[in-house]
Amino acid sequence: MIRKWFERVRGWLAGLSFRTGVIVLAMCVPFYVISFAQMALPISAGAKSALWVIFFGLAKTAQYGGLTILGAEGLRRLKRMWRKGT
């Protein structure tokens, strides 16, 4: 039952556009930055831990979601675009 649900979600994500995948994948960068930058805030250790867990989780979710949306062919396309740009 859970396996079918995961397959449905994965299929839906894979059906999204290349542009959407790049945007979702790019969103992991600010989430990673925020997850570590918030350590400099003058708040309690418990609040820092909670913020880190939230933002690091969002970063990982965006990372794996973006990779799922792009798929193997999308990653190849992204690498080709990256090489042409540099």
C-alpha atoms as a PDB file:
ATOM      1  CA  MET A   1       0.000   0.000   0.000  1.00  0.00           C
ATOM      2  CA  ILE A   2       2.745   2.466   0.935  1.00  0.00           C
ATOM      3  CA  ARG A   3       4.859   1.267  -1.990  1.00  0.00           C
ATOM      4  CA  LYS A   4       2.011   2.065  -4.408  1.00  0.00           C
ATOM      5  CA  TRP A   5       1.672   5.520  -2.881  1.00  0.00           C
ATOM      6  CA  PHE A   6       5.419   6.189  -3.267  1.00  0.00           C
ATOM      7  CA  GLU A   7       5.303   5.038  -6.875  1.00  0.00           C
ATOM      8  CA  ARG A   8       2.357   7.365  -7.571  1.00  0.00           C
ATOM      9  CA  VAL A   9       4.161  10.325  -6.005  1.00  0.00           C
ATOM     10  CA  ARG A  10       7.376   9.498  -7.862  1.00  0.00           C
ATOM     11  CA  GLY A  11       5.467   9.222 -11.140  1.00  0.00           C
ATOM     12  CA  TRP A  12       3.769  12.559 -10.539  1.00  0.00           C
ATOM     13  CA  LEU A  13       7.089  14.256  -9.733  1.00  0.00           C
ATOM     14  CA  ALA A  14       8.753  12.734 -12.785  1.00  0.00           C
ATOM     15  CA  GLY A  15       5.959  14.159 -14.929  1.00  0.00           C
ATOM     16  CA  LEU A  16       6.794  17.744 -13.978  1.00  0.00           C
ATOM     17  CA  SER A  17       8.801  19.926 -16.359  1.00  0.00           C
ATOM     18  CA  PHE A  18      12.561  20.312 -16.561  1.00  0.00           C
ATOM     19  CA  ARG A  19      12.276  23.955 -15.526  1.00  0.00           C
ATOM     20  CA  THR A  20      10.310  23.010 -12.408  1.00  0.00           C
ATOM     21  CA  GLY A  21      12.986  20.461 -11.518  1.00  0.00           C
ATOM     22  CA  VAL A  22      15.758  23.030 -11.859  1.00  0.00           C
ATOM     23  CA  ILE A  23      13.857  25.536  -9.694  1.00  0.00           C
ATOM     24  CA  VAL A  24      13.141  22.950  -6.978  1.00  0.00           C
ATOM     25  CA  LEU A  25      16.754  21.745  -7.073  1.00  0.00           C
ATOM     26  CA  ALA A  26      18.036  25.325  -6.828  1.00  0.00           C
ATOM     27  CA  MET A  27      15.859  25.926  -3.755  1.00  0.00           C
ATOM     28  CA  CYS A  28      18.009  23.509  -1.764  1.00  0.00           C
ATOM     29  CA  VAL A  29      20.891  26.024  -1.791  1.00  0.00           C
ATOM     30  CA  PRO A  30      19.141  28.793   0.207  1.00  0.00           C
ATOM     31  CA  PHE A  31      17.696  26.194   2.580  1.00  0.00           C
ATOM     32  CA  TYR A  32      21.190  24.811   3.269  1.00  0.00           C
ATOM     33  CA  VAL A  33      22.535  28.332   3.798  1.00  0.00           C
ATOM     34  CA  ILE A  34      19.700  29.238   6.176  1.00  0.00           C
ATOM     35  CA  SER A  35      20.050  25.966   8.083  1.00  0.00           C
ATOM     36  CA  PHE A  36      23.627  26.806   9.022  1.00  0.00           C
ATOM     37  CA  ALA A  37      23.465  30.624   9.075  1.00  0.00           C
ATOM     38  CA  GLN A  38      20.777  30.604  11.757  1.00  0.00           C
ATOM     39  CA  MET A  39      23.390  29.249  14.169  1.00  0.00           C
ATOM     40  CA  ALA A  40      24.720  32.814  14.428  1.00  0.00           C
ATOM     41  CA  LEU A  41      21.403  34.107  15.765  1.00  0.00           C
ATOM     42  CA  PRO A  42      21.254  35.032  19.467  1.00  0.00           C
ATOM     43  CA  ILE A  43      18.565  32.476  20.383  1.00  0.00           C
ATOM     44  CA  SER A  44      18.484  29.411  22.604  1.00  0.00           C
ATOM     45  CA  ALA A  45      20.162  26.160  21.636  1.00  0.00           C
ATOM     46  CA  GLY A  46      16.791  24.422  21.471  1.00  0.00           C
ATOM     47  CA  ALA A  47      15.443  26.955  19.006  1.00  0.00           C
ATOM     48  CA  LYS A  48      18.621  26.707  16.926  1.00  0.00           C
ATOM     49  CA  SER A  49      18.291  22.927  16.849  1.00  0.00           C
ATOM     50  CA  ALA A  50      14.656  23.107  15.793  1.00  0.00           C
ATOM     51  CA  LEU A  51      15.421  25.630  13.035  1.00  0.00           C
ATOM     52  CA  TRP A  52      18.343  23.523  11.825  1.00  0.00           C
ATOM     53  CA  VAL A  53      16.189  20.393  11.619  1.00  0.00           C
ATOM     54  CA  ILE A  54      13.440  22.261   9.754  1.00  0.00           C
ATOM     55  CA  PHE A  55      15.666  24.003   7.212  1.00  0.00           C
ATOM     56  CA  PHE A  56      18.026  21.072   6.697  1.00  0.00           C
ATOM     57  CA  GLY A  57      14.980  18.859   6.121  1.00  0.00           C
ATOM     58  CA  LEU A  58      13.605  21.355   3.607  1.00  0.00           C
ATOM     59  CA  ALA A  59      16.982  21.408   1.853  1.00  0.00           C
ATOM     60  CA  LYS A  60      17.110  17.621   1.581  1.00  0.00           C
ATOM     61  CA  THR A  61      13.483  17.484   0.434  1.00  0.00           C
ATOM     62  CA  ALA A  62      14.163  20.083  -2.267  1.00  0.00           C
ATOM     63  CA  GLN A  63      17.341  18.271  -3.303  1.00  0.00           C
ATOM     64  CA  TYR A  64      15.788  14.839  -3.682  1.00  0.00           C
ATOM     65  CA  GLY A  65      12.544  16.242  -5.090  1.00  0.00           C
ATOM     66  CA  GLY A  66      14.461  18.186  -7.736  1.00  0.00           C
ATOM     67  CA  LEU A  67      16.526  15.134  -8.641  1.00  0.00           C
ATOM     68  CA  THR A  68      13.377  13.034  -8.929  1.00  0.00           C
ATOM     69  CA  ILE A  69      11.710  15.621 -11.147  1.00  0.00           C
ATOM     70  CA  LEU A  70      14.771  15.925 -13.404  1.00  0.00           C
ATOM     71  CA  GLY A  71      15.553  12.251 -13.647  1.00  0.00           C
ATOM     72  CA  ALA A  72      18.683  10.861 -15.288  1.00  0.00           C
ATOM     73  CA  GLU A  73      18.109  12.555 -18.636  1.00  0.00           C
ATOM     74  CA  GLY A  74      17.382  15.892 -16.995  1.00  0.00           C
ATOM     75  CA  LEU A  75      20.635  15.687 -15.035  1.00  0.00           C
ATOM     76  CA  ARG A  76      22.556  15.030 -18.257  1.00  0.00           C
ATOM     77  CA  ARG A  77      20.836  18.019 -19.849  1.00  0.00           C
ATOM     78  CA  LEU A  78      21.639  20.202 -16.837  1.00  0.00           C
ATOM     79  CA  LYS A  79      25.311  19.139 -16.932  1.00  0.00           C
ATOM     80  CA  ARG A  80      25.513  19.968 -20.652  1.00  0.00           C
ATOM     81  CA  MET A  81      24.000  23.396 -20.009  1.00  0.00           C
ATOM     82  CA  TRP A  82      26.412  23.993 -17.096  1.00  0.00           C
ATOM     83  CA  ARG A  83      29.455  23.085 -19.239  1.00  0.00           C
ATOM     84  CA  LYS A  84      28.363  25.345 -22.099  1.00  0.00           C
ATOM     85  CA  GLY A  85      27.944  28.246 -19.696  1.00  0.00           C
ATOM     86  CA  THR A  86      31.461  27.992 -18.254  1.00  0.00           C
END
